[in-house]
Amino acid sequence: MKPDPIIDVKNLRKEYVTPAGKVPVLTGVDINIYPGEMVSIMGPSGCGKSTFLYIMGMLQPATSGSYKILGRDVLGLNNKERAGFRRDNLGFVLQTCNLFENSTVYENLEYPLIYGKTPRSMRADIIEESLAEVNLSHRIHHATNRLSGGEQQRVAIARALVNRPQVLLGDEPTGQLDRKTGDKIMKYFEKIVSNKGKAMVLVTHDTEVAKRCTRSFLLEDGVLKEQ
């Protein structure tokens, strides 16, 4: 029996209002993503990939349609509810790591736990567990600006995991890495998603990254087409 989808998107539409009129970006996106799946979204620059990812990350509103995560229609949430749901259920991995450069690895991972009001007594165990997922336990007290680019991206992945989200969203997460390091990062994503039953959506221009995913989609003319 097939499990319920973690992500359920139906007829999602997005348009921008400009002085010249309405500009459609998404014209009816439909997609279901299940536990253990890593899905890539590809398409030319300006096709709406980032817009779709921002809507999925609850960082931008849709014009219409339905978007459910874990069975909850999140488009109807107010600002406070969205912030809390995003904090508890979503993890973001971006092309730029956006780490606090003058802080340690531990401090970078502690910040979202503080924001999430995790008790101080629990933080160390959660941080150590997240770093172990990406084989960086030995770097826990290192300054982030002394890490390699690949290590910094692994810290960013660990930071995305500390609140134990069910959905990971990646915006070109291997885009600034060499092929060998990018391959390692993809292996971590594969392990995390398959072992933990999470779902991940990756926006990428890299066909090699897309091949590593469970399914790959092309965003074209405002709709998703499975490849």
Protein backbone atom coordinates (compact mmCIF):
# COMPACT_ATOMS: atom_id res chain seq x y z
CA MET A 1 0.00 0.00 0.00
CA LYS A 2 1.46 3.34 -1.06
CA PRO A 3 2.02 5.80 1.82
CA ASP A 4 0.38 9.20 1.91
CA PRO A 5 2.45 11.90 0.20
CA ILE A 6 4.49 14.23 2.39
CA ILE A 7 3.95 16.96 -0.23
CA ASP A 8 0.71 17.27 -2.19
CA VAL A 9 0.48 20.15 -4.69
CA LYS A 10 -2.58 20.65 -6.89
CA ASN A 11 -3.16 23.29 -9.57
CA LEU A 12 -0.71 25.71 -7.95
CA ARG A 13 -0.63 29.07 -9.69
CA LYS A 14 1.48 32.18 -9.27
CA GLU A 15 1.29 35.46 -11.12
CA TYR A 16 2.90 38.82 -10.55
CA VAL A 17 1.08 42.10 -11.05
CA THR A 18 3.15 44.69 -12.93
CA PRO A 19 2.31 48.09 -14.44
CA ALA A 20 2.02 46.29 -17.78
CA GLY A 21 -0.45 43.77 -16.38
CA LYS A 22 -0.39 40.28 -14.86
CA VAL A 23 2.61 38.07 -15.55
CA PRO A 24 1.93 34.33 -15.07
CA VAL A 25 4.83 32.27 -13.71
CA LEU A 26 3.21 29.04 -12.51
CA THR A 27 0.08 28.12 -14.47
CA GLY A 28 -1.07 24.91 -12.81
CA VAL A 29 1.60 22.87 -11.04
CA ASP A 30 0.69 19.38 -9.77
CA ILE A 31 3.07 17.10 -7.88
CA ASN A 32 3.01 14.48 -5.11
CA ILE A 33 6.23 13.64 -3.27
CA TYR A 34 6.44 10.62 -0.99
CA PRO A 35 8.61 9.62 1.99
CA GLY A 36 12.11 8.61 0.90
CA GLU A 37 11.96 10.55 -2.37
CA MET A 38 14.47 13.11 -3.61
CA VAL A 39 13.00 15.07 -6.50
CA SER A 40 14.80 17.48 -8.81
CA ILE A 41 13.27 20.49 -10.53
CA MET A 42 15.06 21.68 -13.66
CA GLY A 43 14.41 24.33 -16.29
CA PRO A 44 15.92 27.40 -17.93
CA SER A 45 16.68 30.56 -15.99
CA GLY A 46 13.55 32.62 -15.42
CA CYS A 47 11.14 29.70 -15.79
CA GLY A 48 9.93 29.96 -12.18
CA LYS A 49 12.00 27.28 -10.39
CA SER A 50 13.03 29.56 -7.54
CA THR A 51 9.51 30.98 -7.27
CA PHE A 52 8.15 27.45 -6.91
CA LEU A 53 10.78 26.61 -4.28
CA TYR A 54 9.99 29.77 -2.30
CA ILE A 55 6.31 28.88 -2.32
CA MET A 56 7.15 25.35 -1.17
CA GLY A 57 9.30 26.89 1.58
CA MET A 58 6.35 29.07 2.63
CA LEU A 59 8.46 32.15 1.95
CA GLN A 60 6.19 33.47 -0.82
CA PRO A 61 2.42 33.21 -1.31
CA ALA A 62 0.76 31.43 -4.21
CA THR A 63 -1.98 33.11 -6.21
CA SER A 64 -4.23 30.04 -6.03
CA GLY A 65 -4.23 26.27 -5.72
CA SER A 66 -3.61 23.76 -2.96
CA TYR A 67 -0.36 22.94 -1.18
CA LYS A 68 -0.38 20.37 1.62
CA ILE A 69 2.54 19.20 3.75
CA LEU A 70 1.92 16.20 5.99
CA GLY A 71 -1.78 16.54 5.21
CA ARG A 72 -2.04 20.20 6.25
CA ASP A 73 -3.01 22.89 3.73
CA VAL A 74 -0.30 25.44 4.54
CA LEU A 75 -1.47 28.14 2.12
CA GLY A 76 -4.25 29.02 4.55
CA LEU A 77 -1.98 29.60 7.55
CA ASN A 78 -1.40 33.08 8.98
CA ASN A 79 2.11 34.55 9.34
CA LYS A 80 2.69 33.19 12.85
CA GLU A 81 1.40 29.73 11.95
CA ARG A 82 3.54 29.65 8.80
CA ALA A 83 6.68 30.59 10.72
CA GLY A 84 6.08 27.87 13.30
CA PHE A 85 5.23 25.21 10.72
CA ARG A 86 8.26 26.13 8.60
CA ARG A 87 10.53 25.98 11.65
CA ASP A 88 9.24 22.56 12.73
CA ASN A 89 8.90 20.81 9.37
CA LEU A 90 11.19 22.38 6.74
CA GLY A 91 14.96 22.49 6.32
CA PHE A 92 16.73 24.66 3.75
CA VAL A 93 20.07 24.04 2.01
CA LEU A 94 21.12 26.86 -0.32
CA GLN A 95 23.88 27.40 -2.85
CA THR A 96 25.60 29.77 -0.44
CA CYS A 97 25.97 28.29 3.03
CA ASN A 98 25.14 31.54 4.89
CA LEU A 99 27.02 30.40 7.98
CA PHE A 100 28.01 32.81 10.74
CA GLU A 101 31.67 33.22 9.83
CA ASN A 102 32.93 34.37 13.22
CA SER A 103 31.25 31.52 15.07
CA THR A 104 31.93 27.85 15.63
CA VAL A 105 30.16 24.96 13.98
CA TYR A 106 28.36 24.31 17.26
CA GLU A 107 27.09 27.89 17.48
CA ASN A 108 25.81 27.79 13.90
CA LEU A 109 23.76 24.70 14.65
CA GLU A 110 22.60 25.98 18.02
CA TYR A 111 20.95 29.10 16.60
CA PRO A 112 17.90 27.39 15.01
CA LEU A 113 17.48 25.36 18.21
CA ILE A 114 17.39 28.56 20.24
CA TYR A 115 14.88 30.00 17.78
CA GLY A 116 12.85 26.81 18.13
CA LYS A 117 12.99 27.08 21.94
CA THR A 118 14.76 23.75 22.37
CA PRO A 119 15.90 23.43 26.02
CA ARG A 120 19.63 24.07 26.51
CA SER A 121 20.05 20.63 28.10
CA MET A 122 18.96 18.93 24.85
CA ARG A 123 20.91 21.00 22.33
CA ALA A 124 24.32 19.30 22.51
CA ASP A 125 22.91 15.83 21.78
CA ILE A 126 20.84 17.10 18.85
CA ILE A 127 23.81 19.00 17.38
CA GLU A 128 26.11 16.00 17.71
CA GLU A 129 23.52 13.74 16.07
CA SER A 130 23.09 16.14 13.14
CA LEU A 131 26.85 16.48 12.61
CA ALA A 132 27.24 12.71 12.73
CA GLU A 133 24.79 12.48 9.78
CA VAL A 134 27.37 14.31 7.63
CA ASN A 135 30.53 12.90 9.26
CA LEU A 136 31.57 16.20 10.86
CA SER A 137 31.48 15.37 14.56
CA HIS A 138 35.20 16.09 14.78
CA ARG A 139 34.63 19.69 13.61
CA ILE A 140 32.03 20.60 16.21
CA HIS A 141 34.12 23.35 17.88
CA HIS A 142 35.98 24.57 14.79
CA ALA A 143 35.48 28.09 13.44
CA THR A 144 33.36 27.87 10.29
CA ASN A 145 35.63 30.26 8.36
CA ARG A 146 38.47 27.71 8.70
CA LEU A 147 36.54 24.90 7.05
CA SER A 148 36.78 23.91 3.39
CA GLY A 149 33.90 24.74 1.05
CA GLY A 150 32.66 21.15 1.17
CA GLU A 151 32.80 21.09 4.97
CA GLN A 152 30.88 24.37 5.16
CA GLN A 153 28.15 22.94 2.96
CA ARG A 154 27.99 19.85 5.18
CA VAL A 155 27.58 22.16 8.20
CA ALA A 156 24.73 23.85 6.33
CA ILE A 157 23.10 20.44 5.79
CA ALA A 158 23.54 19.57 9.47
CA ARG A 159 22.02 22.92 10.43
CA ALA A 160 19.03 22.16 8.19
CA LEU A 161 18.58 18.87 10.08
CA VAL A 162 18.73 20.07 13.70
CA ASN A 163 14.99 20.69 14.02
CA ARG A 164 14.40 17.24 12.47
CA PRO A 165 12.33 18.43 9.51
CA GLN A 166 10.34 16.08 7.31
CA VAL A 167 11.01 18.13 4.15
CA LEU A 168 14.36 19.39 2.86
CA LEU A 169 14.47 22.09 0.18
CA GLY A 170 17.66 22.69 -1.79
CA ASP A 171 18.43 25.59 -4.13
CA GLU A 172 21.49 24.58 -6.20
CA PRO A 173 23.12 23.10 -3.05
CA THR A 174 26.08 21.72 -5.03
CA GLY A 175 26.32 24.66 -7.41
CA GLN A 176 29.55 26.12 -5.98
CA LEU A 177 31.29 22.81 -5.32
CA ASP A 178 33.65 20.79 -7.50
CA ARG A 179 32.30 17.53 -8.91
CA LYS A 180 33.98 15.28 -6.32
CA THR A 181 32.74 17.32 -3.35
CA GLY A 182 29.31 17.68 -4.91
CA ASP A 183 29.12 13.91 -5.26
CA LYS A 184 29.81 13.52 -1.53
CA ILE A 185 27.07 16.03 -0.71
CA MET A 186 24.59 14.13 -2.89
CA LYS A 187 25.48 10.90 -1.06
CA TYR A 188 24.65 12.57 2.25
CA PHE A 189 21.31 13.74 0.86
CA GLU A 190 20.53 10.24 -0.42
CA LYS A 191 21.38 8.68 2.94
CA ILE A 192 19.39 11.20 4.97
CA VAL A 193 16.28 11.02 2.79
CA SER A 194 16.17 7.24 2.35
CA ASN A 195 17.13 6.29 5.92
CA LYS A 196 14.90 8.82 7.65
CA GLY A 197 11.89 8.68 5.35
CA LYS A 198 12.11 12.37 4.57
CA ALA A 199 11.34 14.09 1.27
CA MET A 200 13.67 16.46 -0.56
CA VAL A 201 13.13 18.87 -3.44
CA LEU A 202 16.20 20.13 -5.30
CA VAL A 203 16.26 22.98 -7.78
CA THR A 204 19.26 22.45 -10.05
CA HIS A 205 20.75 23.14 -13.48
CA ASP A 206 23.03 20.10 -13.17
CA THR A 207 21.85 17.05 -15.10
CA GLU A 208 24.22 14.81 -13.10
CA VAL A 209 22.52 15.93 -9.88
CA ALA A 210 19.11 15.29 -11.42
CA LYS A 211 20.13 11.74 -12.39
CA ARG A 212 20.84 10.99 -8.71
CA CYS A 213 17.29 11.87 -7.71
CA THR A 214 14.33 9.52 -7.42
CA ARG A 215 12.42 11.55 -9.99
CA SER A 216 13.22 14.56 -12.13
CA PHE A 217 10.86 17.24 -13.42
CA LEU A 218 11.17 20.03 -15.97
CA LEU A 219 9.39 23.30 -15.24
CA GLU A 220 8.21 24.54 -18.61
CA ASP A 221 5.41 26.93 -19.58
CA GLY A 222 4.45 27.19 -15.93
CA VAL A 223 3.83 23.47 -15.35
CA LEU A 224 5.92 20.52 -14.21
CA LYS A 225 6.64 17.72 -16.65
CA GLU A 226 8.15 14.51 -15.32
CA GLN A 227 11.25 13.42 -17.22
